[in-house]
Amino acid sequence: MLILGIDTSNYTTSLCALRADDLTVVADARRVLPVRPGERGLRQSDALFFHVQHLPIVMDELVCQVRARGEGVSWRAVGVSVRPRPQARSYMPVFRAGQSFAHAFARALGLPVVHCSHQEGHLAAACHFLPPMDGPFLAVHLSGGTSDLLFAQRTRFGYRVRPLLEGADLHAGQFVDRVGVALGLPFPAGPALERLAREASPDCAFRVPSSRPEAGLSFSGPCAAALRAIEAGVPGPHVALAVQVCIANTVAKCVIPHANALGARRLVVAGGVAANADIQARVRRRLAQACPDLEVHFAPARYASDNALGPARIARDHLLGIR
């Protein structure tokens, strides 16, 4: 019996098939929304339109993957992200595409539908690869629309989330994309920026300032500094590396005081920006020195970016009454 997960974010149309009994990811199909060269994203109306176009195609790809593994296509439930954050006022039109598809699919087959937020989906995808967690934990969600430090607790309905710090202006993913586009990289720019940063010379000393802990996960100032550096002729690899260092330093500086104050034992870092290997290494190194008792976990790269494993896992656990 399979659980269908659905996520329709600003960047990607995502579907996932999760086996309910042993939690095997049987199939995972996605399509990135198309963005014209030089542009830094899509209007909500355009993104919604692309999701409506993509969903039947991605569903075909998912079913083909399931059948290629010799699995019978037998669905048990549907999990779908319906809002950005687990807050009543949290809303973005793009999630209506996935919600409508989920309810139409479920109604046709007589299946239950479990709602969650996009943020909870990211946490669930990261935690899917970890041992079960007892008690609350610290989490950082770094993506194109979110830069949040959270205190999270697993519940039967997803996650109870208490925001500790929220992105005050420009988010981490927007920082990466704006600098990447200015450097001539494709959108979304994360993977290309990471490759470009590897070309920086070992003695590269160029840096952009990271935010103070009390300022939260703020990236508008660093982004402005990076864009000025590009105009001034600083080599692209040096700017790309400075962006990664800035994000890692900002995350570490924001986590340290809260980890110590709350006595947290685990930190889970999720979201597309968290897939960057250099950012991961720098965050681990700084936190190992400042918070040696804090376990630091990153979502696997494929499930750090937008995906539908999280909604599928939340639906599966909800139906089985698992916390």
Protein backbone atom coordinates (compact mmCIF):
# COMPACT_ATOMS: atom_id res chain seq x y z
CA MET A 1 0.00 0.00 0.00
CA LEU A 2 1.40 3.36 -1.08
CA ILE A 3 1.05 6.88 0.28
CA LEU A 4 1.02 9.64 -2.34
CA GLY A 5 2.84 12.83 -1.34
CA ILE A 6 2.23 16.12 -3.20
CA ASP A 7 4.03 19.46 -2.98
CA THR A 8 3.60 22.43 -5.32
CA SER A 9 6.07 25.09 -4.24
CA ASN A 10 7.37 28.24 -5.94
CA TYR A 11 10.09 26.18 -7.60
CA THR A 12 9.06 22.57 -8.19
CA THR A 13 6.12 20.27 -8.86
CA SER A 14 6.84 17.23 -6.68
CA LEU A 15 5.18 13.83 -6.20
CA CYS A 16 6.35 10.89 -4.11
CA ALA A 17 5.16 7.33 -3.50
CA LEU A 18 6.02 6.02 -0.02
CA ARG A 19 5.41 2.41 1.01
CA ALA A 20 3.29 2.55 4.16
CA ASP A 21 4.62 -0.56 5.90
CA ASP A 22 8.42 -0.18 5.70
CA LEU A 23 8.79 3.53 4.70
CA THR A 24 10.56 2.75 1.42
CA VAL A 25 10.53 5.59 -1.11
CA VAL A 26 9.20 3.64 -4.09
CA ALA A 27 9.10 6.55 -6.55
CA ASP A 28 9.96 10.25 -6.62
CA ALA A 29 9.08 12.46 -9.59
CA ARG A 30 9.62 16.22 -9.93
CA ARG A 31 9.66 19.03 -12.45
CA VAL A 32 11.29 22.40 -11.83
CA LEU A 33 9.12 25.33 -12.90
CA PRO A 34 10.58 27.11 -15.96
CA VAL A 35 12.09 30.58 -15.45
CA ARG A 36 13.34 32.73 -18.32
CA PRO A 37 17.11 33.41 -18.36
CA GLY A 38 18.00 36.49 -16.33
CA GLU A 39 14.81 36.42 -14.25
CA ARG A 40 14.78 35.65 -10.51
CA GLY A 41 11.56 33.72 -10.10
CA LEU A 42 7.91 33.54 -11.14
CA ARG A 43 4.75 35.39 -10.32
CA GLN A 44 2.31 33.27 -8.31
CA SER A 45 -0.18 33.21 -11.19
CA ASP A 46 2.47 31.86 -13.58
CA ALA A 47 3.74 29.29 -11.07
CA LEU A 48 0.18 28.10 -10.42
CA PHE A 49 -0.39 27.70 -14.17
CA PHE A 50 2.80 25.64 -14.57
CA HIS A 51 1.81 23.36 -11.69
CA VAL A 52 -1.55 22.67 -13.33
CA GLN A 53 0.34 21.74 -16.51
CA HIS A 54 2.94 19.63 -14.73
CA LEU A 55 0.85 17.59 -12.31
CA PRO A 56 -0.62 15.06 -14.82
CA ILE A 57 2.82 14.65 -16.48
CA VAL A 58 4.65 14.16 -13.19
CA MET A 59 1.95 11.71 -12.05
CA ASP A 60 2.56 9.65 -15.21
CA GLU A 61 6.30 9.63 -14.44
CA LEU A 62 5.62 8.55 -10.84
CA VAL A 63 3.37 5.66 -11.84
CA CYS A 64 5.91 4.51 -14.45
CA GLN A 65 8.58 4.43 -11.74
CA VAL A 66 6.32 2.42 -9.44
CA ARG A 67 5.55 -0.13 -12.15
CA ALA A 68 9.21 -0.33 -13.21
CA ARG A 69 10.01 -1.54 -9.69
CA GLY A 70 7.42 -4.28 -10.01
CA GLU A 71 5.14 -2.67 -7.44
CA GLY A 72 1.39 -2.86 -7.64
CA VAL A 73 -0.15 0.62 -7.84
CA SER A 74 -2.40 0.49 -4.78
CA TRP A 75 -2.92 3.75 -2.91
CA ARG A 76 -3.77 4.07 0.78
CA ALA A 77 -3.83 7.85 1.38
CA VAL A 78 -2.66 11.25 0.13
CA GLY A 79 -0.52 13.82 1.95
CA VAL A 80 -0.30 17.33 0.54
CA SER A 81 1.24 20.65 1.54
CA VAL A 82 -1.40 23.39 1.51
CA ARG A 83 0.41 26.44 2.95
CA PRO A 84 3.97 27.70 3.46
CA ARG A 85 4.10 27.53 7.29
CA PRO A 86 1.95 25.81 9.95
CA GLN A 87 0.10 29.02 10.75
CA ALA A 88 -3.54 29.87 10.11
CA ARG A 89 -2.74 33.01 8.10
CA SER A 90 0.01 31.40 6.05
CA TYR A 91 -1.09 31.30 2.41
CA MET A 92 0.35 31.19 -1.11
CA PRO A 93 -1.72 30.47 -4.24
CA VAL A 94 0.73 27.89 -5.64
CA PHE A 95 -0.27 25.36 -3.01
CA ARG A 96 -3.86 25.37 -4.25
CA ALA A 97 -2.73 23.43 -7.32
CA GLY A 98 -1.47 20.51 -5.23
CA GLN A 99 -4.42 20.69 -2.86
CA SER A 100 -6.95 20.53 -5.71
CA PHE A 101 -5.13 17.64 -7.38
CA ALA A 102 -4.91 15.77 -4.05
CA HIS A 103 -8.62 16.04 -3.34
CA ALA A 104 -9.67 15.13 -6.88
CA PHE A 105 -7.36 12.07 -6.87
CA ALA A 106 -8.45 11.01 -3.38
CA ARG A 107 -12.16 11.49 -4.05
CA ALA A 108 -11.95 9.29 -7.15
CA LEU A 109 -10.35 6.45 -5.16
CA GLY A 110 -12.07 6.97 -1.82
CA LEU A 111 -8.85 7.86 0.01
CA PRO A 112 -8.24 10.09 3.04
CA VAL A 113 -6.28 13.33 2.55
CA VAL A 114 -3.88 14.69 5.18
CA HIS A 115 -2.90 18.37 4.99
CA CYS A 116 0.42 19.80 6.16
CA SER A 117 2.51 22.89 5.54
CA HIS A 118 5.46 23.12 3.17
CA GLN A 119 7.74 23.83 6.14
CA GLU A 120 6.53 20.72 7.99
CA GLY A 121 7.16 18.74 4.82
CA HIS A 122 10.79 19.86 4.79
CA LEU A 123 11.21 18.86 8.44
CA ALA A 124 9.55 15.48 7.88
CA ALA A 125 11.73 14.75 4.83
CA ALA A 126 14.87 15.49 6.84
CA CYS A 127 13.70 13.49 9.88
CA HIS A 128 12.73 10.55 7.64
CA PHE A 129 16.42 9.62 7.47
CA LEU A 130 17.09 10.00 11.22
CA PRO A 131 16.33 7.81 14.23
CA PRO A 132 13.02 8.69 15.96
CA MET A 133 13.26 11.88 18.00
CA ASP A 134 11.92 12.09 21.53
CA GLY A 135 11.10 15.62 22.56
CA PRO A 136 11.57 18.94 20.80
CA PHE A 137 14.53 19.88 18.65
CA LEU A 138 16.01 22.93 16.96
CA ALA A 139 15.47 23.29 13.23
CA VAL A 140 16.65 25.70 10.56
CA HIS A 141 14.64 26.02 7.35
CA LEU A 142 16.62 27.71 4.56
CA SER A 143 14.89 28.13 1.21
CA GLY A 144 13.83 30.69 -1.36
CA GLY A 145 10.95 31.91 0.77
CA THR A 146 12.05 31.03 4.30
CA SER A 147 14.96 31.65 6.65
CA ASP A 148 13.67 30.45 10.01
CA LEU A 149 15.12 29.13 13.24
CA LEU A 150 12.49 26.94 14.91
CA PHE A 151 11.83 24.91 18.04
CA ALA A 152 9.88 21.92 16.72
CA GLN A 153 8.02 19.01 18.28
CA ARG A 154 6.64 16.03 16.35
CA THR A 155 2.89 15.51 16.71
CA ARG A 156 0.40 13.14 15.14
CA PHE A 157 -0.66 15.97 12.80
CA GLY A 158 2.81 17.02 11.67
CA TYR A 159 4.90 19.37 13.80
CA ARG A 160 4.21 21.89 16.52
CA VAL A 161 6.53 24.73 15.56
CA ARG A 162 7.58 27.71 17.66
CA PRO A 163 9.48 30.34 15.66
CA LEU A 164 12.61 31.57 17.43
CA LEU A 165 13.93 33.76 14.60
CA GLU A 166 12.34 34.51 11.24
CA GLY A 167 13.85 35.96 8.10
CA ALA A 168 13.38 39.70 8.44
CA ASP A 169 13.87 40.67 4.82
CA LEU A 170 15.70 38.73 2.10
CA HIS A 171 15.76 34.97 2.56
CA ALA A 172 18.77 32.70 2.10
CA GLY A 173 17.55 31.23 -1.18
CA GLN A 174 16.79 34.68 -2.57
CA PHE A 175 20.30 35.77 -1.59
CA VAL A 176 21.78 32.85 -3.52
CA ASP A 177 19.53 33.38 -6.54
CA ARG A 178 20.01 37.15 -6.83
CA VAL A 179 23.77 36.89 -6.65
CA GLY A 180 23.76 33.85 -8.93
CA VAL A 181 21.68 35.56 -11.61
CA ALA A 182 23.94 38.63 -11.39
CA LEU A 183 26.87 36.27 -12.04
CA GLY A 184 25.10 34.87 -15.11
CA LEU A 185 24.07 31.57 -13.51
CA PRO A 186 20.76 29.80 -14.24
CA PHE A 187 17.79 30.11 -11.87
CA PRO A 188 17.49 28.59 -9.31
CA ALA A 189 21.19 29.25 -8.83
CA GLY A 190 22.11 27.07 -5.85
CA PRO A 191 23.87 24.11 -7.57
CA ALA A 192 25.67 26.36 -10.07
CA LEU A 193 26.80 28.75 -7.34
CA GLU A 194 28.23 25.84 -5.34
CA ARG A 195 30.19 24.62 -8.39
CA LEU A 196 31.46 28.14 -9.10
CA ALA A 197 32.63 28.60 -5.49
CA ARG A 198 34.88 25.56 -5.85
CA GLU A 199 36.92 27.55 -8.39
CA ALA A 200 37.90 30.19 -5.82
CA SER A 201 41.62 30.35 -5.08
CA PRO A 202 42.73 28.89 -1.73
CA ASP A 203 43.94 32.31 -0.56
CA CYS A 204 40.62 34.02 -1.34
CA ALA A 205 40.06 36.60 1.41
CA PHE A 206 36.95 38.35 0.05
CA ARG A 207 34.00 38.18 2.44
CA VAL A 208 30.60 39.80 2.86
CA PRO A 209 29.40 40.52 6.41
CA SER A 210 27.08 38.05 8.12
CA SER A 211 24.15 39.13 10.28
CA ARG A 212 24.40 39.64 14.03
CA PRO A 213 22.45 37.05 16.09
CA GLU A 214 20.00 39.66 17.35
CA ALA A 215 19.25 40.68 13.75
CA GLY A 216 18.14 37.16 12.88
CA LEU A 217 18.63 35.42 9.57
CA SER A 218 18.84 38.60 7.51
CA PHE A 219 20.51 38.66 4.09
CA SER A 220 19.58 41.98 2.44
CA GLY A 221 22.77 43.71 3.57
CA PRO A 222 25.07 40.85 2.56
CA CYS A 223 23.28 40.61 -0.80
CA ALA A 224 23.82 44.31 -1.48
CA ALA A 225 27.50 43.94 -0.60
CA ALA A 226 27.88 40.94 -2.92
CA LEU A 227 26.18 42.73 -5.81
CA ARG A 228 28.45 45.77 -5.32
CA ALA A 229 31.44 43.44 -5.40
CA ILE A 230 30.32 41.98 -8.73
CA GLU A 231 30.01 45.49 -10.18
CA ALA A 232 33.48 46.30 -8.82
CA GLY A 233 34.99 43.34 -10.66
CA VAL A 234 35.56 40.85 -7.83
CA PRO A 235 35.96 37.42 -9.48
CA GLY A 236 32.76 35.38 -9.60
CA PRO A 237 34.18 32.35 -7.73
CA HIS A 238 35.26 34.62 -4.86
CA VAL A 239 31.80 36.18 -4.62
CA ALA A 240 30.14 32.75 -4.74
CA LEU A 241 32.35 31.47 -1.92
CA ALA A 242 31.66 34.59 0.14
CA VAL A 243 27.89 33.99 -0.19
CA GLN A 244 28.26 30.46 1.15
CA VAL A 245 30.50 31.57 4.04
CA CYS A 246 28.04 34.33 4.94
CA ILE A 247 25.05 31.96 5.07
CA ALA A 248 26.94 29.37 7.14
CA ASN A 249 28.21 31.99 9.60
CA THR A 250 24.75 33.53 9.96
CA VAL A 251 23.17 30.15 10.69
CA ALA A 252 25.81 29.25 13.27
CA LYS A 253 25.65 32.63 15.01
CA CYS A 254 21.86 32.41 15.29
CA VAL A 255 21.80 28.79 16.49
CA ILE A 256 24.47 29.04 19.20
CA PRO A 257 22.65 31.26 21.75
CA HIS A 258 19.35 29.39 21.38
CA ALA A 259 20.96 25.96 21.57
CA ASN A 260 22.68 26.95 24.80
CA ALA A 261 19.61 28.66 26.30
CA LEU A 262 17.23 25.80 25.49
CA GLY A 263 19.65 22.98 26.19
CA ALA A 264 18.86 21.54 22.76
CA ARG A 265 20.44 18.22 21.85
CA ARG A 266 19.57 18.05 18.14
CA LEU A 267 19.55 20.47 15.23
CA VAL A 268 17.92 19.59 11.90
CA VAL A 269 18.74 21.80 8.90
CA ALA A 270 16.43 21.53 5.89
CA GLY A 271 15.48 23.47 2.76
CA GLY A 272 17.14 23.81 -0.63
CA VAL A 273 20.00 26.02 0.57
CA ALA A 274 20.92 23.34 3.14
CA ALA A 275 21.91 20.99 0.29
CA ASN A 276 25.11 23.00 -0.22
CA ALA A 277 28.06 20.86 0.95
CA ASP A 278 30.29 23.84 1.80
CA ILE A 279 27.58 25.46 3.94
CA GLN A 280 27.04 22.14 5.72
CA ALA A 281 30.74 21.71 6.48
CA ARG A 282 31.13 25.26 7.80
CA VAL A 283 28.03 25.05 10.00
CA ARG A 284 29.16 21.71 11.43
CA ARG A 285 32.65 23.03 12.13
CA ARG A 286 31.48 26.16 13.96
CA LEU A 287 28.81 24.38 15.99
CA ALA A 288 31.18 21.56 16.96
CA GLN A 289 33.35 24.17 18.64
CA ALA A 290 30.61 26.27 20.24
CA CYS A 291 28.02 23.55 21.06
CA PRO A 292 29.88 20.23 21.28
CA ASP A 293 26.84 18.38 22.70
CA LEU A 294 24.55 19.44 19.84
CA GLU A 295 23.89 16.77 17.18
CA VAL A 296 23.74 18.48 13.79
CA HIS A 297 21.77 16.78 11.01
CA PHE A 298 21.23 17.91 7.42
CA ALA A 299 18.64 16.50 5.07
CA PRO A 300 20.17 14.46 2.21
CA ALA A 301 20.76 16.75 -0.76
CA ARG A 302 17.91 15.34 -2.84
CA TYR A 303 15.46 15.75 0.03
CA ALA A 304 16.77 19.11 1.19
CA SER A 305 15.37 20.76 -1.93
CA ASP A 306 11.61 20.93 -2.49
CA ASN A 307 10.12 17.44 -2.47
CA ALA A 308 6.96 15.47 -1.62
CA LEU A 309 8.46 12.86 0.69
CA GLY A 310 7.63 15.02 3.72
CA PRO A 311 3.87 15.24 3.06
CA ALA A 312 3.76 11.51 2.32
CA ARG A 313 5.56 10.70 5.59
CA ILE A 314 3.28 12.99 7.62
CA ALA A 315 0.18 11.37 6.07
CA ARG A 316 1.49 7.87 6.76
CA ASP A 317 2.31 8.61 10.40
CA HIS A 318 -1.00 10.40 10.94
CA LEU A 319 -3.03 7.46 9.66
CA LEU A 320 -1.13 5.02 11.85
CA GLY A 321 -1.33 7.27 14.89
CA ILE A 322 2.47 7.60 15.14
CA ARG A 323 4.09 10.59 16.82
